Amino acid sequence: MLRSKVLSLLPRALSISSSSRQMSTATKLTIVEVNDKTGIATLSLNRPPINGLNLQLLQDLQQSIKEIESNKSTGLILTSANSKVFSAGIDIHEMYKPDKERVRLLWTTLQDIWVALYGSKVPTAAAINGHAPAGGCLLATSLEYRVMLPNFRIGLNETQLGMTVPIFCIFNYLNVLPRRLAERALNQGHMFTTEEAVQLGMVDDVAQSKEEALEKCAQFIGSFAKVNPVARSLTKLQFRAADLQRFEKERQKDLDIFMTFINDPQMQEQLGVYLQNLSKKAAN
């Protein structure tokens, strides 16, 4: 009886693991595996310890998204190779005493990634297997469907860091939360628990393991198997086109706001204190 039950689960498990192949990537900061049976690509952030979004990780992520789109995958699942953190957002070291051209490229690359994910032609989902503050939340809420593990937090907490919330973050929140709640949460920099996020519709489902989260994401993407992909993509675009068009009009303004924030002497002083405190904690 037990043997037959185990065997009955094998096809389901194999559909996720052994039938997958890894796509080539520029470095190992992102890992792309494509399920040969379903055509679904799983894109894992892989920059220990917290998937801090430095320039190299963002460029790798951008390249991986392009590869997935060009290889005509049937869907994209974004997740983390880390069991505690989905992504902690932009790497603080990139913002402290930055090279102006490098930090400008960092932000424009993040802008391009948002455009690519928010407007992706393929069905997209996030298996959130760790904390997702700031940029981690941005990535997850750019996608169409989210599954999150218990006992983690997700949210855009930019205002707590003294940063004006970027316009594309606002678009994401308005796409997943009621307007009044989105405004309040962004102004407060509120971090939602898994339970809160599910209750409010920010996250679609809860999973007890990363494997279960990936399976639920695959099931969501599979729900479009009998739908014409062009019709689905164009319908999705009709919902999101106004946001994408408005962003393109305000792209330079968004960059200017970020550069002003980064170059503010008071902000640089605060970042320096924060990094010093991190070093002290690491030393203890």
Protein backbone atom coordinates (compact mmCIF):
# COMPACT_ATOMS: atom_id res chain seq x y z
CA MET A 1 0.00 0.00 0.00
CA LEU A 2 2.77 2.43 1.02
CA ARG A 3 4.84 1.47 -2.01
CA SER A 4 1.95 2.08 -4.40
CA LYS A 5 1.26 5.46 -2.78
CA VAL A 6 4.91 6.50 -3.12
CA LEU A 7 4.99 5.37 -6.74
CA SER A 8 1.85 7.36 -7.49
CA LEU A 9 3.66 10.52 -6.37
CA LEU A 10 6.73 9.94 -8.52
CA PRO A 11 5.41 11.34 -11.81
CA ARG A 12 4.44 14.56 -10.05
CA ALA A 13 7.85 14.87 -8.40
CA LEU A 14 9.68 14.01 -11.60
CA SER A 15 7.77 16.66 -13.50
CA ILE A 16 9.52 19.24 -11.31
CA SER A 17 12.98 17.78 -10.91
CA SER A 18 14.53 15.13 -13.12
CA SER A 19 12.92 16.33 -16.37
CA SER A 20 14.46 19.77 -15.97
CA ARG A 21 17.51 21.09 -17.77
CA GLN A 22 19.64 24.04 -16.79
CA MET A 23 20.06 26.92 -19.20
CA SER A 24 23.40 28.65 -19.59
CA THR A 25 23.81 31.88 -17.64
CA ALA A 26 26.55 34.47 -17.57
CA THR A 27 27.42 33.72 -13.95
CA LYS A 28 25.96 31.71 -11.09
CA LEU A 29 24.10 34.64 -9.52
CA THR A 30 20.98 33.39 -11.26
CA ILE A 31 20.06 29.81 -12.10
CA VAL A 32 17.55 28.95 -14.82
CA GLU A 33 16.06 25.47 -15.07
CA VAL A 34 13.54 24.58 -17.75
CA ASN A 35 11.12 21.69 -17.30
CA ASP A 36 11.29 19.75 -20.56
CA LYS A 37 7.78 18.38 -20.05
CA THR A 38 5.94 21.63 -19.26
CA GLY A 39 8.28 24.21 -20.77
CA ILE A 40 8.17 26.22 -17.54
CA ALA A 41 11.37 28.04 -16.59
CA THR A 42 12.31 28.39 -12.92
CA LEU A 43 14.58 31.37 -12.31
CA SER A 44 16.42 31.30 -8.97
CA LEU A 45 18.22 34.23 -7.36
CA ASN A 46 21.55 32.91 -6.13
CA ARG A 47 23.63 35.57 -4.43
CA PRO A 48 24.29 34.55 -0.81
CA PRO A 49 23.64 35.43 1.87
CA ILE A 50 20.52 37.53 1.20
CA ASN A 51 20.26 37.96 -2.58
CA GLY A 52 21.16 41.63 -2.29
CA LEU A 53 20.46 43.26 -5.63
CA ASN A 54 23.86 44.53 -6.71
CA LEU A 55 24.58 45.51 -10.30
CA GLN A 56 25.88 42.08 -11.29
CA LEU A 57 22.84 40.23 -9.94
CA LEU A 58 20.49 42.67 -11.66
CA GLN A 59 22.33 42.27 -14.96
CA ASP A 60 22.27 38.49 -14.62
CA LEU A 61 18.57 38.61 -13.80
CA GLN A 62 17.89 40.80 -16.81
CA GLN A 63 19.84 38.43 -19.09
CA SER A 64 18.07 35.37 -17.69
CA ILE A 65 14.64 36.92 -18.31
CA LYS A 66 15.67 37.64 -21.91
CA GLU A 67 16.83 34.03 -22.35
CA ILE A 68 13.55 32.68 -20.98
CA GLU A 69 11.50 34.89 -23.30
CA SER A 70 13.64 34.10 -26.36
CA ASN A 71 13.54 30.34 -25.69
CA LYS A 72 9.73 30.47 -25.82
CA SER A 73 9.21 29.04 -22.35
CA THR A 74 5.57 28.51 -21.42
CA GLY A 75 5.96 30.37 -18.12
CA LEU A 76 8.38 31.85 -15.59
CA ILE A 77 8.64 31.07 -11.88
CA LEU A 78 10.88 33.35 -9.81
CA THR A 79 12.27 31.96 -6.55
CA SER A 80 15.36 32.01 -4.33
CA ALA A 81 18.21 29.55 -3.85
CA ASN A 82 18.28 30.83 -0.25
CA SER A 83 15.97 29.16 2.27
CA LYS A 84 15.54 32.28 4.44
CA VAL A 85 15.49 35.27 2.10
CA PHE A 86 13.76 35.70 -1.26
CA SER A 87 15.64 38.97 -1.80
CA ALA A 88 16.53 41.71 0.67
CA GLY A 89 16.39 44.39 -2.03
CA ILE A 90 19.12 46.64 -3.34
CA ASP A 91 22.54 45.97 -1.85
CA ILE A 92 23.30 48.83 0.57
CA HIS A 93 26.95 48.75 -0.48
CA GLU A 94 25.90 49.85 -3.97
CA MET A 95 24.31 52.98 -2.51
CA TYR A 96 27.00 54.04 -0.03
CA LYS A 97 29.53 56.46 -1.52
CA PRO A 98 28.60 55.18 -4.97
CA ASP A 99 30.23 55.70 -8.32
CA LYS A 100 27.64 57.88 -10.04
CA GLU A 101 27.67 56.04 -13.35
CA ARG A 102 27.52 52.63 -11.70
CA VAL A 103 24.59 53.52 -9.45
CA ARG A 104 22.81 55.13 -12.40
CA LEU A 105 23.23 51.89 -14.34
CA LEU A 106 22.03 49.94 -11.30
CA TRP A 107 18.75 51.85 -11.19
CA THR A 108 18.11 51.86 -14.96
CA THR A 109 18.71 48.09 -14.98
CA LEU A 110 16.17 47.68 -12.18
CA GLN A 111 13.74 49.81 -14.20
CA ASP A 112 14.25 47.56 -17.23
CA ILE A 113 13.71 44.44 -15.14
CA TRP A 114 10.40 45.81 -13.85
CA VAL A 115 9.27 46.51 -17.42
CA ALA A 116 10.30 42.99 -18.50
CA LEU A 117 8.53 41.24 -15.60
CA TYR A 118 5.42 43.43 -15.41
CA GLY A 119 4.89 43.23 -19.15
CA SER A 120 6.13 39.68 -19.74
CA LYS A 121 4.39 37.82 -22.55
CA VAL A 122 4.43 34.54 -20.62
CA PRO A 123 2.53 33.67 -17.42
CA THR A 124 4.62 34.57 -14.39
CA ALA A 125 4.63 33.46 -10.75
CA ALA A 126 6.74 33.82 -7.62
CA ALA A 127 7.55 31.06 -5.14
CA ILE A 128 8.43 33.28 -2.17
CA ASN A 129 10.51 31.04 0.08
CA GLY A 130 11.95 33.75 2.33
CA HIS A 131 11.64 37.35 3.45
CA ALA A 132 10.91 39.81 0.63
CA PRO A 133 11.38 43.43 1.70
CA ALA A 134 11.84 46.37 -0.67
CA GLY A 135 13.28 45.15 -4.00
CA GLY A 136 12.34 41.56 -3.16
CA CYS A 137 8.72 42.61 -2.84
CA LEU A 138 9.01 44.64 -6.04
CA LEU A 139 10.12 41.58 -8.00
CA ALA A 140 7.42 39.34 -6.55
CA THR A 141 4.55 41.79 -7.04
CA SER A 142 5.59 42.45 -10.64
CA LEU A 143 4.43 38.91 -11.40
CA GLU A 144 0.91 37.56 -11.85
CA TYR A 145 0.73 34.99 -9.06
CA ARG A 146 2.44 34.51 -5.71
CA VAL A 147 2.81 31.58 -3.31
CA MET A 148 4.56 32.24 0.01
CA LEU A 149 5.89 30.11 2.81
CA PRO A 150 4.78 30.77 6.42
CA ASN A 151 6.63 32.92 8.96
CA PHE A 152 8.11 35.37 6.48
CA ARG A 153 7.41 39.02 5.71
CA ILE A 154 6.89 40.93 2.48
CA GLY A 155 6.49 44.62 1.78
CA LEU A 156 7.81 47.83 0.27
CA ASN A 157 9.45 49.60 3.21
CA GLU A 158 11.21 52.37 1.29
CA THR A 159 9.71 55.21 3.36
CA GLN A 160 11.21 53.71 6.52
CA LEU A 161 14.60 54.11 4.85
CA GLY A 162 13.89 57.74 3.94
CA MET A 163 13.30 56.98 0.26
CA THR A 164 10.40 58.15 -1.88
CA VAL A 165 8.50 55.13 -3.19
CA PRO A 166 9.30 54.63 -6.91
CA ILE A 167 6.36 54.92 -9.29
CA PHE A 168 6.65 51.31 -10.47
CA CYS A 169 6.29 50.13 -6.88
CA ILE A 170 3.04 52.08 -6.69
CA PHE A 171 1.81 50.40 -9.88
CA ASN A 172 2.56 46.99 -8.37
CA TYR A 173 0.67 47.70 -5.16
CA LEU A 174 -2.35 49.11 -6.99
CA ASN A 175 -2.40 45.91 -9.02
CA VAL A 176 -2.58 43.65 -5.95
CA LEU A 177 -4.20 45.76 -3.20
CA PRO A 178 -7.17 48.11 -2.85
CA ARG A 179 -6.07 51.70 -3.51
CA ARG A 180 -6.65 53.03 0.03
CA LEU A 181 -4.77 50.12 1.60
CA ALA A 182 -1.94 50.39 -0.93
CA GLU A 183 -1.48 54.08 -0.16
CA ARG A 184 -1.42 53.51 3.59
CA ALA A 185 0.95 50.54 3.40
CA LEU A 186 3.41 52.43 1.19
CA ASN A 187 3.31 55.54 3.37
CA GLN A 188 3.92 53.43 6.49
CA GLY A 189 6.50 51.17 4.85
CA HIS A 190 4.49 48.29 6.28
CA MET A 191 5.86 44.75 6.15
CA PHE A 192 3.10 42.11 5.84
CA THR A 193 3.25 38.69 7.42
CA THR A 194 2.46 35.74 5.17
CA GLU A 195 -0.95 35.46 6.79
CA GLU A 196 -1.73 39.16 6.27
CA ALA A 197 -0.55 39.08 2.69
CA VAL A 198 -2.81 36.14 1.83
CA GLN A 199 -5.84 37.65 3.58
CA LEU A 200 -5.44 40.90 1.64
CA GLY A 201 -4.83 39.21 -1.73
CA MET A 202 -1.25 40.38 -2.01
CA VAL A 203 -0.23 36.73 -2.02
CA ASP A 204 -2.48 34.11 -3.63
CA ASP A 205 -1.65 31.00 -1.62
CA VAL A 206 0.49 29.54 1.15
CA ALA A 207 2.78 26.51 0.84
CA GLN A 208 4.55 24.57 3.58
CA SER A 209 7.70 23.99 1.52
CA LYS A 210 9.54 25.45 -1.45
CA GLU A 211 8.68 22.33 -3.46
CA GLU A 212 4.98 22.82 -2.78
CA ALA A 213 5.24 26.50 -3.68
CA LEU A 214 6.90 25.65 -6.99
CA GLU A 215 4.22 23.03 -7.70
CA LYS A 216 1.41 25.52 -7.04
CA CYS A 217 3.09 28.08 -9.28
CA ALA A 218 3.42 25.45 -12.00
CA GLN A 219 -0.26 24.60 -11.63
CA PHE A 220 -1.18 28.28 -12.06
CA ILE A 221 0.90 28.53 -15.22
CA GLY A 222 -0.54 25.22 -16.41
CA SER A 223 -4.06 26.63 -16.10
CA PHE A 224 -3.37 28.53 -19.34
CA ALA A 225 -2.36 25.41 -21.29
CA LYS A 226 -5.54 25.43 -23.38
CA VAL A 227 -5.61 29.19 -23.83
CA ASN A 228 -4.22 30.78 -26.99
CA PRO A 229 -0.91 32.30 -25.81
CA VAL A 230 -1.16 35.36 -28.06
CA ALA A 231 -4.70 36.13 -26.94
CA ARG A 232 -3.67 35.67 -23.29
CA SER A 233 -0.61 37.89 -23.65
CA LEU A 234 -2.51 40.70 -25.39
CA THR A 235 -5.33 40.55 -22.83
CA LYS A 236 -2.80 40.81 -20.00
CA LEU A 237 -1.17 43.75 -21.75
CA GLN A 238 -4.49 45.60 -21.94
CA PHE A 239 -4.64 45.52 -18.15
CA ARG A 240 -1.03 46.65 -17.71
CA ALA A 241 -0.36 48.85 -20.75
CA ALA A 242 -1.42 52.13 -19.09
CA ASP A 243 1.06 51.56 -16.24
CA LEU A 244 3.86 50.69 -18.64
CA GLN A 245 3.13 53.70 -20.86
CA ARG A 246 3.00 56.10 -17.91
CA PHE A 247 6.24 54.70 -16.57
CA GLU A 248 8.03 55.33 -19.87
CA LYS A 249 6.91 58.96 -19.70
CA GLU A 250 8.23 59.29 -16.15
CA ARG A 251 11.30 57.03 -16.40
CA GLN A 252 13.80 59.90 -16.32
CA LYS A 253 11.98 61.60 -13.45
CA ASP A 254 12.09 58.35 -11.48
CA LEU A 255 15.84 58.09 -12.09
CA ASP A 256 16.39 61.72 -11.05
CA ILE A 257 14.51 61.17 -7.78
CA PHE A 258 16.65 58.14 -6.99
CA MET A 259 19.90 59.94 -7.81
CA THR A 260 18.91 62.86 -5.58
CA PHE A 261 18.19 60.42 -2.76
CA ILE A 262 21.51 58.64 -3.18
CA ASN A 263 23.56 61.84 -3.30
CA ASP A 264 21.94 63.44 -0.27
CA PRO A 265 24.67 63.96 2.41
CA GLN A 266 22.33 63.10 5.28
CA MET A 267 21.29 59.86 3.58
CA GLN A 268 24.93 58.94 2.96
CA GLU A 269 25.66 59.53 6.64
CA GLN A 270 22.75 57.27 7.65
CA LEU A 271 23.91 54.55 5.27
CA GLY A 272 27.40 54.76 6.75
CA VAL A 273 26.07 54.32 10.28
CA TYR A 274 23.93 51.40 9.15
CA LEU A 275 26.91 49.64 7.55
CA GLN A 276 29.03 50.22 10.66
CA ASN A 277 26.34 48.61 12.81
CA LEU A 278 26.24 45.64 10.45
CA SER A 279 30.01 45.22 10.74
CA LYS A 280 29.80 45.29 14.54
CA LYS A 281 27.09 42.63 14.54
CA ALA A 282 29.13 40.43 12.20
CA ALA A 283 32.17 40.78 14.46
CA ASN A 284 30.28 39.69 17.60
